[in-house]
Each structure stands twice: as structure tokens, then as C-alpha cells.
Amino acid sequence: MPDAEDYRRALQTRFHRAARRGSAYEIVSARPLYVEAGAKESEHQMPSCCSIMWQEFRSGYDAVLSSPATGQSPAATLCYRLPR
């Protein structure tokens, strides 16, 4: 079962790959990140995954594309500007 650092590493990997492609941003949805970090649906770790996404979010720099009121949903989608 992944822990917070696994989600953080998966997110950082996404940032590095996007930067190497020359992208100005990386759009991240919680469900794919959850799976990339090695989580399974039955593990119920989505709040931990979303928490890491929000910790990396920079208000006024990054953008919220989709988020429920709680922010702790597989549907949460954030746009992170690069470079980080």
C-alpha cells in the first residue's frame, strides 16, 4: 500500500517528465496519480493522494480545473505550472 511519499514521488515524476517535454504545465487528476503510485481501489487511500496534490498546489500560480467541495475525490484535477 502506497504512503504519502509514494504519491509525492509519483507527482514529482509527472512534473519532471512534463518539464523534459518542454511543457509549461502538467494537468494531474487524482485517480490516475493514485494508480501510478501503486494504489488499488480497495485500499481507500484517495484522501492521502489528494492531500499530497493539494500540498504541492501553489495558490495564485497553479489552477484548479475540477474539485468537489472536500477536495478529496478521484475527480480532483489540478493544473500545475512548470517549472516547479
Protein backbone atom coordinates (compact mmCIF):
# COMPACT_ATOMS: atom_id res chain seq x y z
CA MET A 1 0.00 0.00 0.00
CA PRO A 2 1.50 3.37 -1.01
CA ASP A 3 2.21 6.04 1.57
CA ALA A 4 2.36 9.83 1.24
CA GLU A 5 5.93 9.75 -0.10
CA ASP A 6 4.89 7.34 -2.87
CA TYR A 7 2.21 9.81 -4.00
CA ARG A 8 4.70 12.68 -3.78
CA ARG A 9 7.26 10.76 -5.86
CA ALA A 10 4.65 9.91 -8.50
CA LEU A 11 3.64 13.58 -8.70
CA GLN A 12 7.27 14.76 -8.92
CA THR A 13 7.89 12.21 -11.68
CA ARG A 14 4.99 13.68 -13.62
CA PHE A 15 6.46 17.18 -13.20
CA HIS A 16 9.92 16.07 -14.37
CA ARG A 17 8.55 14.26 -17.43
CA ALA A 18 6.44 17.26 -18.42
CA ALA A 19 9.40 19.61 -17.98
CA ARG A 20 11.59 17.37 -20.17
CA ARG A 21 8.90 17.57 -22.87
CA GLY A 22 9.10 21.36 -22.61
CA SER A 23 5.57 21.69 -21.25
CA ALA A 24 4.58 24.85 -19.37
CA TYR A 25 2.17 22.90 -17.16
CA GLU A 26 1.08 19.43 -16.05
CA ILE A 27 -2.56 18.52 -15.53
CA VAL A 28 -2.97 15.91 -12.80
CA SER A 29 -6.14 14.05 -11.88
CA ALA A 30 -6.26 12.21 -8.58
CA ARG A 31 -7.41 8.82 -9.87
CA PRO A 32 -4.55 8.28 -12.37
CA LEU A 33 -1.98 9.55 -9.84
CA TYR A 34 -3.41 7.15 -7.27
CA VAL A 35 -2.90 4.23 -9.64
CA GLU A 36 0.57 5.41 -10.77
CA ALA A 37 1.70 5.36 -7.14
CA GLY A 38 0.65 1.71 -6.93
CA ALA A 39 -2.61 2.00 -5.00
CA LYS A 40 -5.56 -0.31 -5.55
CA GLU A 41 -9.19 0.76 -5.32
CA SER A 42 -9.71 -1.48 -2.29
CA GLU A 43 -7.03 0.33 -0.28
CA HIS A 44 -9.08 3.51 0.25
CA GLN A 45 -6.08 5.86 0.24
CA MET A 46 -7.56 8.56 -2.01
CA PRO A 47 -7.58 11.20 0.79
CA SER A 48 -3.83 10.73 1.22
CA CYS A 49 -3.24 11.07 -2.53
CA CYS A 50 -5.38 14.22 -2.73
CA SER A 51 -3.67 15.68 0.32
CA ILE A 52 -0.29 15.45 -1.44
CA MET A 53 -1.75 17.03 -4.56
CA TRP A 54 -3.01 19.98 -2.51
CA GLN A 55 0.27 20.29 -0.60
CA GLU A 56 2.07 20.76 -3.94
CA PHE A 57 -0.55 23.25 -5.17
CA ARG A 58 0.58 26.89 -5.25
CA SER A 59 -2.33 29.27 -4.92
CA GLY A 60 -2.11 32.11 -7.43
CA TYR A 61 0.30 30.09 -9.59
CA ASP A 62 -1.45 26.77 -10.24
CA ALA A 63 -5.10 26.28 -11.21
CA VAL A 64 -8.00 24.12 -10.03
CA LEU A 65 -9.72 22.53 -13.01
CA SER A 66 -12.11 20.29 -11.10
CA SER A 67 -12.62 19.68 -7.42
CA PRO A 68 -15.52 18.69 -5.19
CA ALA A 69 -16.15 20.76 -2.08
CA THR A 70 -13.96 18.48 0.05
CA GLY A 71 -11.11 18.36 -2.48
CA GLN A 72 -10.66 14.69 -1.57
CA SER A 73 -12.07 12.94 -4.61
CA PRO A 74 -10.84 10.89 -7.55
CA ALA A 75 -12.32 13.67 -9.70
CA ALA A 76 -9.94 16.32 -8.31
CA THR A 77 -7.95 17.73 -11.23
CA LEU A 78 -5.27 20.38 -10.81
CA CYS A 79 -3.11 22.19 -13.32
CA TYR A 80 0.44 22.72 -12.03
CA ARG A 81 2.55 25.34 -13.77
CA LEU A 82 6.12 24.45 -14.57
CA PRO A 83 8.88 24.83 -13.66
CA ARG A 84 8.34 23.89 -10.04
